[in-house]
Full PDB file with SEQRES, HELIX, SHEET, SSBOND, CRYST1, ORIGX, SCALE, CONECT and MASTER records, all heavy atoms in Angstrom:
SEQRES   1 A   31  GLN ILE MET LYS PRO GLY ALA LEU PHE ILE THR HIS THR          
SEQRES   2 A   31  LYS GLY ASN GLU SER GLU PRO GLY ARG THR GLU HIS VAL          
SEQRES   3 A   31  LEU SER TYR ALA ALA                                          
HELIX    1 AA1 ARG A   22  ALA A   30  1                                   9    
CRYST1    1.000    1.000    1.000  90.00  90.00  90.00 P 1           1          
ORIGX1      1.000000  0.000000  0.000000        0.00000                         
ORIGX2      0.000000  1.000000  0.000000        0.00000                         
ORIGX3      0.000000  0.000000  1.000000        0.00000                         
SCALE1      1.000000  0.000000  0.000000        0.00000                         
SCALE2      0.000000  1.000000  0.000000        0.00000                         
SCALE3      0.000000  0.000000  1.000000        0.00000                         
ATOM      1  N   GLN A   1      68.852  99.913  59.337  1.00  0.00           N  
ATOM      2  CA  GLN A   1      67.441 100.152  59.137  1.00  0.00           C  
ATOM      3  C   GLN A   1      67.020 101.247  60.034  1.00  0.00           C  
ATOM      4  O   GLN A   1      66.137 102.083  59.511  1.00  0.00           O  
ATOM      5  CB  GLN A   1      66.727  98.775  59.532  1.00  0.00           C  
ATOM      6  CG  GLN A   1      66.870  97.748  58.529  1.00  0.00           C  
ATOM      7  CD  GLN A   1      66.263  96.426  59.047  1.00  0.00           C  
ATOM      8  OE1 GLN A   1      66.356  96.048  60.190  1.00  0.00           O  
ATOM      9  NE2 GLN A   1      65.453  95.824  58.091  1.00  0.00           N  
ATOM     10  N   ILE A   2      67.393 101.369  61.151  1.00  0.00           N  
ATOM     11  CA  ILE A   2      66.915 102.281  62.169  1.00  0.00           C  
ATOM     12  C   ILE A   2      67.222 103.699  61.546  1.00  0.00           C  
ATOM     13  O   ILE A   2      66.586 104.687  61.702  1.00  0.00           O  
ATOM     14  CB  ILE A   2      67.492 102.064  63.581  1.00  0.00           C  
ATOM     15  CG1 ILE A   2      66.920 100.924  64.237  1.00  0.00           C  
ATOM     16  CG2 ILE A   2      67.420 103.392  64.430  1.00  0.00           C  
ATOM     17  CD1 ILE A   2      67.604 100.413  65.443  1.00  0.00           C  
ATOM     18  N   MET A   3      68.466 103.810  61.049  1.00  0.00           N  
ATOM     19  CA  MET A   3      69.072 105.081  60.596  1.00  0.00           C  
ATOM     20  C   MET A   3      68.506 105.516  59.178  1.00  0.00           C  
ATOM     21  O   MET A   3      68.896 106.635  58.709  1.00  0.00           O  
ATOM     22  CB  MET A   3      70.454 105.213  60.650  1.00  0.00           C  
ATOM     23  CG  MET A   3      70.928 105.054  62.172  1.00  0.00           C  
ATOM     24  SD  MET A   3      72.714 104.998  62.397  1.00  0.00           S  
ATOM     25  CE  MET A   3      73.031 106.675  62.185  1.00  0.00           C  
ATOM     26  N   LYS A   4      67.853 104.670  58.426  1.00  0.00           N  
ATOM     27  CA  LYS A   4      67.542 104.958  57.065  1.00  0.00           C  
ATOM     28  C   LYS A   4      66.446 105.991  57.005  1.00  0.00           C  
ATOM     29  O   LYS A   4      65.278 105.730  57.502  1.00  0.00           O  
ATOM     30  CB  LYS A   4      67.012 103.704  56.267  1.00  0.00           C  
ATOM     31  CG  LYS A   4      66.896 103.935  54.924  1.00  0.00           C  
ATOM     32  CD  LYS A   4      66.734 102.591  54.203  1.00  0.00           C  
ATOM     33  CE  LYS A   4      66.637 102.927  52.730  1.00  0.00           C  
ATOM     34  NZ  LYS A   4      66.627 101.539  51.868  1.00  0.00           N  
ATOM     35  N   PRO A   5      66.707 107.177  56.450  1.00  0.00           N  
ATOM     36  CA  PRO A   5      65.604 108.264  56.411  1.00  0.00           C  
ATOM     37  C   PRO A   5      64.413 107.632  55.545  1.00  0.00           C  
ATOM     38  O   PRO A   5      64.560 106.979  54.540  1.00  0.00           O  
ATOM     39  CB  PRO A   5      66.232 109.382  55.630  1.00  0.00           C  
ATOM     40  CG  PRO A   5      67.631 109.145  55.798  1.00  0.00           C  
ATOM     41  CD  PRO A   5      67.847 107.532  55.888  1.00  0.00           C  
ATOM     42  N   GLY A   6      63.210 107.873  55.981  1.00  0.00           N  
ATOM     43  CA  GLY A   6      62.005 107.510  55.334  1.00  0.00           C  
ATOM     44  C   GLY A   6      61.580 106.161  55.515  1.00  0.00           C  
ATOM     45  O   GLY A   6      60.530 105.775  54.888  1.00  0.00           O  
ATOM     46  N   ALA A   7      62.270 105.354  56.243  1.00  0.00           N  
ATOM     47  CA  ALA A   7      61.800 104.003  56.577  1.00  0.00           C  
ATOM     48  C   ALA A   7      60.696 103.844  57.498  1.00  0.00           C  
ATOM     49  O   ALA A   7      60.467 104.700  58.478  1.00  0.00           O  
ATOM     50  CB  ALA A   7      62.988 103.128  57.022  1.00  0.00           C  
ATOM     51  N   LEU A   8      59.775 102.896  57.274  1.00  0.00           N  
ATOM     52  CA  LEU A   8      58.639 102.598  58.140  1.00  0.00           C  
ATOM     53  C   LEU A   8      58.894 101.287  58.696  1.00  0.00           C  
ATOM     54  O   LEU A   8      59.471 100.322  57.954  1.00  0.00           O  
ATOM     55  CB  LEU A   8      57.380 102.754  57.484  1.00  0.00           C  
ATOM     56  CG  LEU A   8      56.792 104.134  57.069  1.00  0.00           C  
ATOM     57  CD1 LEU A   8      55.442 103.995  56.354  1.00  0.00           C  
ATOM     58  CD2 LEU A   8      56.711 105.052  58.284  1.00  0.00           C  
ATOM     59  N   PHE A   9      58.235 101.049  59.837  1.00  0.00           N  
ATOM     60  CA  PHE A   9      58.268  99.740  60.568  1.00  0.00           C  
ATOM     61  C   PHE A   9      56.921  99.188  60.711  1.00  0.00           C  
ATOM     62  O   PHE A   9      56.026  99.976  61.081  1.00  0.00           O  
ATOM     63  CB  PHE A   9      59.075  99.909  61.868  1.00  0.00           C  
ATOM     64  CG  PHE A   9      60.474 100.187  61.680  1.00  0.00           C  
ATOM     65  CD1 PHE A   9      60.824 101.405  61.404  1.00  0.00           C  
ATOM     66  CD2 PHE A   9      61.569  99.126  61.882  1.00  0.00           C  
ATOM     67  CE1 PHE A   9      62.300 101.853  61.237  1.00  0.00           C  
ATOM     68  CE2 PHE A   9      62.766  99.558  61.687  1.00  0.00           C  
ATOM     69  CZ  PHE A   9      63.238 100.825  61.361  1.00  0.00           C  
ATOM     70  N   ILE A  10      56.699  97.928  60.550  1.00  0.00           N  
ATOM     71  CA  ILE A  10      55.391  97.376  60.839  1.00  0.00           C  
ATOM     72  C   ILE A  10      55.512  96.240  61.802  1.00  0.00           C  
ATOM     73  O   ILE A  10      56.456  95.436  61.661  1.00  0.00           O  
ATOM     74  CB  ILE A  10      54.759  96.887  59.483  1.00  0.00           C  
ATOM     75  CG1 ILE A  10      53.263  96.540  59.799  1.00  0.00           C  
ATOM     76  CG2 ILE A  10      55.550  95.876  58.692  1.00  0.00           C  
ATOM     77  CD1 ILE A  10      52.479  96.249  58.468  1.00  0.00           C  
ATOM     78  N   THR A  11      54.630  95.968  62.730  1.00  0.00           N  
ATOM     79  CA  THR A  11      54.720  95.035  63.720  1.00  0.00           C  
ATOM     80  C   THR A  11      53.350  94.874  64.359  1.00  0.00           C  
ATOM     81  O   THR A  11      52.426  95.438  64.143  1.00  0.00           O  
ATOM     82  CB  THR A  11      55.757  95.434  64.854  1.00  0.00           C  
ATOM     83  OG1 THR A  11      56.045  94.228  65.681  1.00  0.00           O  
ATOM     84  CG2 THR A  11      55.216  96.600  65.696  1.00  0.00           C  
ATOM     85  N   HIS A  12      53.139  93.648  65.103  1.00  0.00           N  
ATOM     86  CA  HIS A  12      52.028  93.503  65.902  1.00  0.00           C  
ATOM     87  C   HIS A  12      52.137  94.271  67.228  1.00  0.00           C  
ATOM     88  O   HIS A  12      53.138  94.563  67.644  1.00  0.00           O  
ATOM     89  CB  HIS A  12      51.749  92.036  66.205  1.00  0.00           C  
ATOM     90  CG  HIS A  12      51.471  91.130  65.108  1.00  0.00           C  
ATOM     91  ND1 HIS A  12      52.384  90.383  64.504  1.00  0.00           N  
ATOM     92  CD2 HIS A  12      50.458  91.049  64.333  1.00  0.00           C  
ATOM     93  CE1 HIS A  12      51.882  89.683  63.447  1.00  0.00           C  
ATOM     94  NE2 HIS A  12      50.686  90.226  63.301  1.00  0.00           N  
ATOM     95  N   THR A  13      50.913  94.658  67.720  1.00  0.00           N  
ATOM     96  CA  THR A  13      50.892  95.304  68.951  1.00  0.00           C  
ATOM     97  C   THR A  13      51.220  94.406  70.100  1.00  0.00           C  
ATOM     98  O   THR A  13      51.272  93.095  70.044  1.00  0.00           O  
ATOM     99  CB  THR A  13      49.406  95.846  69.289  1.00  0.00           C  
ATOM    100  OG1 THR A  13      48.526  94.750  69.351  1.00  0.00           O  
ATOM    101  CG2 THR A  13      49.009  96.911  68.328  1.00  0.00           C  
ATOM    102  N   LYS A  14      51.642  94.976  71.196  1.00  0.00           N  
ATOM    103  CA  LYS A  14      52.206  94.249  72.391  1.00  0.00           C  
ATOM    104  C   LYS A  14      51.075  93.287  72.790  1.00  0.00           C  
ATOM    105  O   LYS A  14      49.883  93.549  72.899  1.00  0.00           O  
ATOM    106  CB  LYS A  14      52.573  95.236  73.585  1.00  0.00           C  
ATOM    107  CG  LYS A  14      53.200  94.530  74.785  1.00  0.00           C  
ATOM    108  CD  LYS A  14      53.892  95.487  75.540  1.00  0.00           C  
ATOM    109  CE  LYS A  14      54.812  94.878  76.573  1.00  0.00           C  
ATOM    110  NZ  LYS A  14      55.988  94.207  76.109  1.00  0.00           N  
ATOM    111  N   GLY A  15      51.385  91.987  73.043  1.00  0.00           N  
ATOM    112  CA  GLY A  15      50.362  90.884  73.342  1.00  0.00           C  
ATOM    113  C   GLY A  15      49.931  90.215  72.170  1.00  0.00           C  
ATOM    114  O   GLY A  15      49.301  89.217  72.401  1.00  0.00           O  
ATOM    115  N   ASN A  16      50.168  90.743  71.127  1.00  0.00           N  
ATOM    116  CA  ASN A  16      49.790  89.997  69.766  1.00  0.00           C  
ATOM    117  C   ASN A  16      51.001  89.510  69.005  1.00  0.00           C  
ATOM    118  O   ASN A  16      50.730  89.056  67.839  1.00  0.00           O  
ATOM    119  CB  ASN A  16      48.850  90.922  68.945  1.00  0.00           C  
ATOM    120  CG  ASN A  16      47.509  91.151  69.660  1.00  0.00           C  
ATOM    121  OD1 ASN A  16      46.810  90.199  70.015  1.00  0.00           O  
ATOM    122  ND2 ASN A  16      47.263  92.399  69.824  1.00  0.00           N  
ATOM    123  N   GLU A  17      52.181  89.689  69.506  1.00  0.00           N  
ATOM    124  CA  GLU A  17      53.343  89.228  68.630  1.00  0.00           C  
ATOM    125  C   GLU A  17      53.458  87.817  68.446  1.00  0.00           C  
ATOM    126  O   GLU A  17      53.132  86.967  69.262  1.00  0.00           O  
ATOM    127  CB  GLU A  17      54.602  89.721  69.493  1.00  0.00           C  
ATOM    128  CG  GLU A  17      54.690  91.157  70.048  1.00  0.00           C  
ATOM    129  CD  GLU A  17      54.274  91.246  71.433  1.00  0.00           C  
ATOM    130  OE1 GLU A  17      53.389  90.560  71.885  1.00  0.00           O  
ATOM    131  OE2 GLU A  17      54.996  92.026  72.128  1.00  0.00           O  
ATOM    132  N   SER A  18      53.936  87.562  67.337  1.00  0.00           N  
ATOM    133  CA  SER A  18      54.380  86.132  66.955  1.00  0.00           C  
ATOM    134  C   SER A  18      55.813  85.847  67.399  1.00  0.00           C  
ATOM    135  O   SER A  18      56.078  84.760  67.522  1.00  0.00           O  
ATOM    136  CB  SER A  18      54.191  85.905  65.445  1.00  0.00           C  
ATOM    137  OG  SER A  18      54.963  86.887  64.679  1.00  0.00           O  
ATOM    138  N   GLU A  19      56.637  86.901  67.535  1.00  0.00           N  
ATOM    139  CA  GLU A  19      57.950  86.771  68.031  1.00  0.00           C  
ATOM    140  C   GLU A  19      58.129  87.745  69.235  1.00  0.00           C  
ATOM    141  O   GLU A  19      58.756  88.832  69.010  1.00  0.00           O  
ATOM    142  CB  GLU A  19      59.017  87.170  66.916  1.00  0.00           C  
ATOM    143  CG  GLU A  19      58.794  86.200  65.715  1.00  0.00           C  
ATOM    144  CD  GLU A  19      59.741  86.587  64.656  1.00  0.00           C  
ATOM    145  OE1 GLU A  19      60.933  86.244  64.736  1.00  0.00           O  
ATOM    146  OE2 GLU A  19      59.216  87.153  63.543  1.00  0.00           O  
ATOM    147  N   PRO A  20      57.576  87.423  70.395  1.00  0.00           N  
ATOM    148  CA  PRO A  20      57.616  88.261  71.502  1.00  0.00           C  
ATOM    149  C   PRO A  20      59.111  88.892  71.758  1.00  0.00           C  
ATOM    150  O   PRO A  20      60.092  88.057  71.791  1.00  0.00           O  
ATOM    151  CB  PRO A  20      57.084  87.490  72.743  1.00  0.00           C  
ATOM    152  CG  PRO A  20      56.239  86.538  72.013  1.00  0.00           C  
ATOM    153  CD  PRO A  20      56.949  86.105  70.783  1.00  0.00           C  
ATOM    154  N   GLY A  21      59.245  90.117  71.983  1.00  0.00           N  
ATOM    155  CA  GLY A  21      60.475  90.658  72.383  1.00  0.00           C  
ATOM    156  C   GLY A  21      61.298  91.312  71.218  1.00  0.00           C  
ATOM    157  O   GLY A  21      61.938  92.178  71.379  1.00  0.00           O  
ATOM    158  N   ARG A  22      60.990  90.822  70.037  1.00  0.00           N  
ATOM    159  CA  ARG A  22      61.769  91.436  68.899  1.00  0.00           C  
ATOM    160  C   ARG A  22      61.551  92.959  68.766  1.00  0.00           C  
ATOM    161  O   ARG A  22      62.534  93.613  68.556  1.00  0.00           O  
ATOM    162  CB  ARG A  22      61.471  90.805  67.498  1.00  0.00           C  
ATOM    163  CG  ARG A  22      62.230  91.293  66.330  1.00  0.00           C  
ATOM    164  CD  ARG A  22      61.856  90.601  65.025  1.00  0.00           C  
ATOM    165  NE  ARG A  22      62.232  89.226  65.134  1.00  0.00           N  
ATOM    166  CZ  ARG A  22      63.277  88.643  64.437  1.00  0.00           C  
ATOM    167  NH1 ARG A  22      63.912  89.622  63.666  1.00  0.00           N  
ATOM    168  NH2 ARG A  22      63.584  87.414  64.406  1.00  0.00           N  
ATOM    169  N   THR A  23      60.342  93.343  68.643  1.00  0.00           N  
ATOM    170  CA  THR A  23      59.990  94.747  68.458  1.00  0.00           C  
ATOM    171  C   THR A  23      60.650  95.517  69.621  1.00  0.00           C  
ATOM    172  O   THR A  23      61.340  96.615  69.415  1.00  0.00           O  
ATOM    173  CB  THR A  23      58.561  95.120  68.536  1.00  0.00           C  
ATOM    174  OG1 THR A  23      57.975  94.364  67.359  1.00  0.00           O  
ATOM    175  CG2 THR A  23      58.222  96.603  68.290  1.00  0.00           C  
ATOM    176  N   GLU A  24      60.586  95.062  70.867  1.00  0.00           N  
ATOM    177  CA  GLU A  24      61.158  95.823  71.986  1.00  0.00           C  
ATOM    178  C   GLU A  24      62.642  95.855  71.891  1.00  0.00           C  
ATOM    179  O   GLU A  24      63.354  96.888  72.289  1.00  0.00           O  
ATOM    180  CB  GLU A  24      60.767  95.181  73.371  1.00  0.00           C  
ATOM    181  CG  GLU A  24      59.347  95.483  73.781  1.00  0.00           C  
ATOM    182  CD  GLU A  24      58.971  97.046  73.679  1.00  0.00           C  
ATOM    183  OE1 GLU A  24      59.787  97.723  74.397  1.00  0.00           O  
ATOM    184  OE2 GLU A  24      57.977  97.396  73.173  1.00  0.00           O  
ATOM    185  N   HIS A  25      63.288  94.790  71.472  1.00  0.00           N  
ATOM    186  CA  HIS A  25      64.764  94.730  71.321  1.00  0.00           C  
ATOM    187  C   HIS A  25      65.223  95.854  70.272  1.00  0.00           C  
ATOM    188  O   HIS A  25      66.124  96.623  70.530  1.00  0.00           O  
ATOM    189  CB  HIS A  25      65.207  93.412  70.758  1.00  0.00           C  
ATOM    190  CG  HIS A  25      65.133  92.332  71.645  1.00  0.00           C  
ATOM    191  ND1 HIS A  25      65.181  91.051  71.431  1.00  0.00           N  
ATOM    192  CD2 HIS A  25      64.875  92.274  73.048  1.00  0.00           C  
ATOM    193  CE1 HIS A  25      65.003  90.319  72.458  1.00  0.00           C  
ATOM    194  NE2 HIS A  25      64.803  91.092  73.571  1.00  0.00           N  
ATOM    195  N   VAL A  26      64.488  95.893  69.088  1.00  0.00           N  
ATOM    196  CA  VAL A  26      64.771  96.869  68.137  1.00  0.00           C  
ATOM    197  C   VAL A  26      64.530  98.467  68.703  1.00  0.00           C  
ATOM    198  O   VAL A  26      65.356  99.311  68.474  1.00  0.00           O  
ATOM    199  CB  VAL A  26      63.925  96.809  66.827  1.00  0.00           C  
ATOM    200  CG1 VAL A  26      64.057  97.892  65.886  1.00  0.00           C  
ATOM    201  CG2 VAL A  26      64.437  95.435  66.142  1.00  0.00           C  
ATOM    202  N   LEU A  27      63.434  98.540  69.440  1.00  0.00           N  
ATOM    203  CA  LEU A  27      63.184  99.991  69.996  1.00  0.00           C  
ATOM    204  C   LEU A  27      64.231 100.267  71.022  1.00  0.00           C  
ATOM    205  O   LEU A  27      64.599 101.421  71.058  1.00  0.00           O  
ATOM    206  CB  LEU A  27      61.803  99.892  70.529  1.00  0.00           C  
ATOM    207  CG  LEU A  27      60.609  99.916  69.488  1.00  0.00           C  
ATOM    208  CD1 LEU A  27      59.352  99.890  70.146  1.00  0.00           C  
ATOM    209  CD2 LEU A  27      60.753 101.015  68.598  1.00  0.00           C  
ATOM    210  N   SER A  28      64.680  99.311  71.848  1.00  0.00           N  
ATOM    211  CA  SER A  28      65.618  99.571  72.723  1.00  0.00           C  
ATOM    212  C   SER A  28      66.854  99.987  72.192  1.00  0.00           C  
ATOM    213  O   SER A  28      67.655 100.941  72.628  1.00  0.00           O  
ATOM    214  CB  SER A  28      65.972  98.343  73.718  1.00  0.00           C  
ATOM    215  OG  SER A  28      64.721  98.262  74.530  1.00  0.00           O  
ATOM    216  N   TYR A  29      67.341  99.166  71.130  1.00  0.00           N  
ATOM    217  CA  TYR A  29      68.564  99.555  70.401  1.00  0.00           C  
ATOM    218  C   TYR A  29      68.451 100.933  69.727  1.00  0.00           C  
ATOM    219  O   TYR A  29      69.434 101.650  69.623  1.00  0.00           O  
ATOM    220  CB  TYR A  29      68.894  98.457  69.482  1.00  0.00           C  
ATOM    221  CG  TYR A  29      70.228  98.531  68.672  1.00  0.00           C  
ATOM    222  CD1 TYR A  29      71.313  98.925  69.333  1.00  0.00           C  
ATOM    223  CD2 TYR A  29      70.365  98.498  67.227  1.00  0.00           C  
ATOM    224  CE1 TYR A  29      72.518  98.964  68.677  1.00  0.00           C  
ATOM    225  CE2 TYR A  29      71.505  98.686  66.499  1.00  0.00           C  
ATOM    226  CZ  TYR A  29      72.645  98.839  67.413  1.00  0.00           C  
ATOM    227  OH  TYR A  29      73.877  98.979  66.662  1.00  0.00           O  
ATOM    228  N   ALA A  30      67.278 101.208  69.150  1.00  0.00           N  
ATOM    229  CA  ALA A  30      67.098 102.491  68.508  1.00  0.00           C  
ATOM    230  C   ALA A  30      67.331 103.647  69.497  1.00  0.00           C  
ATOM    231  O   ALA A  30      67.872 104.563  69.252  1.00  0.00           O  
ATOM    232  CB  ALA A  30      65.673 102.525  68.025  1.00  0.00           C  
ATOM    233  N   ALA A  31      66.803 103.387  70.769  1.00  0.00           N  
ATOM    234  CA  ALA A  31      66.948 104.529  71.785  1.00  0.00           C  
ATOM    235  C   ALA A  31      68.471 104.572  72.112  1.00  0.00           C  
ATOM    236  O   ALA A  31      68.929 105.781  72.368  1.00  0.00           O  
ATOM    237  CB  ALA A  31      66.121 104.004  73.074  1.00  0.00           C  
TER     238      ALA A  31                                                      
MASTER        0    0    0    1    0    0    0    6  237    1    0    3          
END                                                                             
């Protein structure tokens, strides 16, 4: 998913997550 050209990601902003940590995990792995 991270490497797919043209993909977009949608999430809640920090503090509004329904699954706290998931977005940060993906962003850390992407880094």
